[in-house]
C-alpha atoms as a PDB file:
ATOM      1  CA  MET A   1      -0.163 -30.927  25.911  1.00  0.00           C
ATOM      2  CA  ALA A   2       1.836 -29.897  23.139  1.00  0.00           C
ATOM      3  CA  ALA A   3       1.429 -26.834  21.164  1.00  0.00           C
ATOM      4  CA  PRO A   4       0.715 -27.701  17.409  1.00  0.00           C
ATOM      5  CA  PRO A   5       3.615 -27.337  14.840  1.00  0.00           C
ATOM      6  CA  PRO A   6       3.911 -23.657  13.022  1.00  0.00           C
ATOM      7  CA  ASN A   7       3.242 -25.426  10.213  1.00  0.00           C
ATOM      8  CA  ASP A   8      -0.412 -26.082  10.808  1.00  0.00           C
ATOM      9  CA  ARG A   9      -1.377 -22.765  10.959  1.00  0.00           C
ATOM     10  CA  PRO A  10      -3.285 -21.249   8.134  1.00  0.00           C
ATOM     11  CA  PRO A  11      -1.243 -18.765   6.222  1.00  0.00           C
ATOM     12  CA  ARG A  12      -2.373 -14.963   6.385  1.00  0.00           C
ATOM     13  CA  PHE A  13      -2.263 -12.152   3.670  1.00  0.00           C
ATOM     14  CA  PRO A  14       0.008  -9.436   5.004  1.00  0.00           C
ATOM     15  CA  ARG A  15      -1.621  -6.574   6.752  1.00  0.00           C
ATOM     16  CA  TRP A  16       0.900  -4.359   5.207  1.00  0.00           C
ATOM     17  CA  GLY A  17      -0.490  -5.079   1.530  1.00  0.00           C
ATOM     18  CA  ALA A  18      -4.289  -4.381   2.743  1.00  0.00           C
ATOM     19  CA  TRP A  19      -3.470  -1.479   3.501  1.00  0.00           C
ATOM     20  CA  ALA A  20      -1.191  -0.478   1.025  1.00  0.00           C
ATOM     21  CA  LEU A  21      -3.528   0.931  -1.759  1.00  0.00           C
ATOM     22  CA  PRO A  22      -5.517   3.347   0.777  1.00  0.00           C
ATOM     23  CA  VAL A  23      -2.598   4.697   2.128  1.00  0.00           C
ATOM     24  CA  GLY A  24      -0.557   5.079  -0.811  1.00  0.00           C
ATOM     25  CA  GLY A  25      -3.410   7.022  -2.281  1.00  0.00           C
ATOM     26  CA  LEU A  26      -4.139   9.018   0.941  1.00  0.00           C
ATOM     27  CA  TRP A  27      -0.313  10.100   1.391  1.00  0.00           C
ATOM     28  CA  GLY A  28      -0.095  10.475  -2.227  1.00  0.00           C
ATOM     29  CA  THR A  29      -2.759  13.103  -2.176  1.00  0.00           C
ATOM     30  CA  VAL A  30      -1.798  14.943   0.859  1.00  0.00           C
ATOM     31  CA  ILE A  31       2.228  15.100  -0.109  1.00  0.00           C
ATOM     32  CA  GLY A  32       1.114  15.881  -3.833  1.00  0.00           C
ATOM     33  CA  VAL A  33      -1.144  18.807  -2.738  1.00  0.00           C
ATOM     34  CA  GLY A  34       1.653  20.440  -0.199  1.00  0.00           C
ATOM     35  CA  LEU A  35       4.084  20.157  -3.187  1.00  0.00           C
ATOM     36  CA  GLY A  36       1.457  21.835  -5.656  1.00  0.00           C
ATOM     37  CA  PHE A  37       0.536  24.558  -3.474  1.00  0.00           C
ATOM     38  CA  LEU A  38       4.327  25.715  -3.295  1.00  0.00           C
ATOM     39  CA  LEU A  39       4.716  25.115  -6.826  1.00  0.00           C
ATOM     40  CA  GLY A  40       1.579  27.059  -7.999  1.00  0.00           C
ATOM     41  CA  ASN A  41      -1.464  24.880  -8.579  1.00  0.00           C
ATOM     42  CA  ALA A  42      -2.498  22.809  -5.598  1.00  0.00           C
ATOM     43  CA  MET A  43      -4.980  20.643  -7.139  1.00  0.00           C
ATOM     44  CA  ILE A  44      -2.899  19.497 -10.277  1.00  0.00           C
ATOM     45  CA  GLY A  45      -0.265  18.625  -7.653  1.00  0.00           C
ATOM     46  CA  GLY A  46      -3.060  16.592  -5.900  1.00  0.00           C
ATOM     47  CA  ALA A  47      -4.160  14.493  -8.838  1.00  0.00           C
ATOM     48  CA  ILE A  48      -0.574  14.010  -9.693  1.00  0.00           C
ATOM     49  CA  GLY A  49       0.557  12.931  -5.997  1.00  0.00           C
ATOM     50  CA  ALA A  50      -2.906  10.562  -6.283  1.00  0.00           C
ATOM     51  CA  GLY A  51      -2.264   9.004  -8.822  1.00  0.00           C
ATOM     52  CA  LEU A  52       2.076   8.196  -8.084  1.00  0.00           C
ATOM     53  CA  GLY A  53       0.297   7.137  -4.185  1.00  0.00           C
ATOM     54  CA  ILE A  54      -2.257   4.704  -5.814  1.00  0.00           C
ATOM     55  CA  GLY A  55       0.334   3.404  -8.100  1.00  0.00           C
ATOM     56  CA  VAL A  56       2.783   2.487  -5.618  1.00  0.00           C
ATOM     57  CA  GLY A  57       0.261   1.343  -3.676  1.00  0.00           C
ATOM     58  CA  LEU A  58      -0.689  -1.228  -6.417  1.00  0.00           C
ATOM     59  CA  ALA A  59       3.019  -2.360  -6.660  1.00  0.00           C
ATOM     60  CA  LEU A  60       2.956  -3.291  -2.393  1.00  0.00           C
ATOM     61  CA  PHE A  61       0.030  -4.835  -3.050  1.00  0.00           C
ATOM     62  CA  ALA A  62       1.248  -7.413  -5.629  1.00  0.00           C
ATOM     63  CA  ALA A  63       4.359  -7.648  -3.606  1.00  0.00           C
ATOM     64  CA  ALA A  64       2.145  -8.608  -0.842  1.00  0.00           C
ATOM     65  CA  ILE A  65      -0.078 -10.912  -3.479  1.00  0.00           C
ATOM     66  CA  VAL A  66       3.585 -12.986  -4.197  1.00  0.00           C
ATOM     67  CA  ILE A  67       4.431 -13.282  -0.402  1.00  0.00           C
ATOM     68  CA  ALA A  68       1.130 -14.855   0.682  1.00  0.00           C
ATOM     69  CA  SER A  69       1.111 -17.276  -2.384  1.00  0.00           C
ATOM     70  CA  ASP A  70       4.778 -18.527  -0.942  1.00  0.00           C
ATOM     71  CA  ASP A  71       2.979 -19.822   2.082  1.00  0.00           C
ATOM     72  CA  LEU A  72       0.701 -22.114   0.330  1.00  0.00           C
END
């Protein structure tokens, strides 16, 4: 029995795109708190880091949407 051609598989959303927002927010917060602790204010560093991490996560999520829609 022959295997079905690879084009018969349903398209899948990239796993890295699904994890981009939570991981970006988490690592942004951790890195921001660390830098804020070194520079004098961990709370402000954590808030700025979380914002930057979520922003990067959104950009990666958008890239994953573009890649997933290309497979249709």
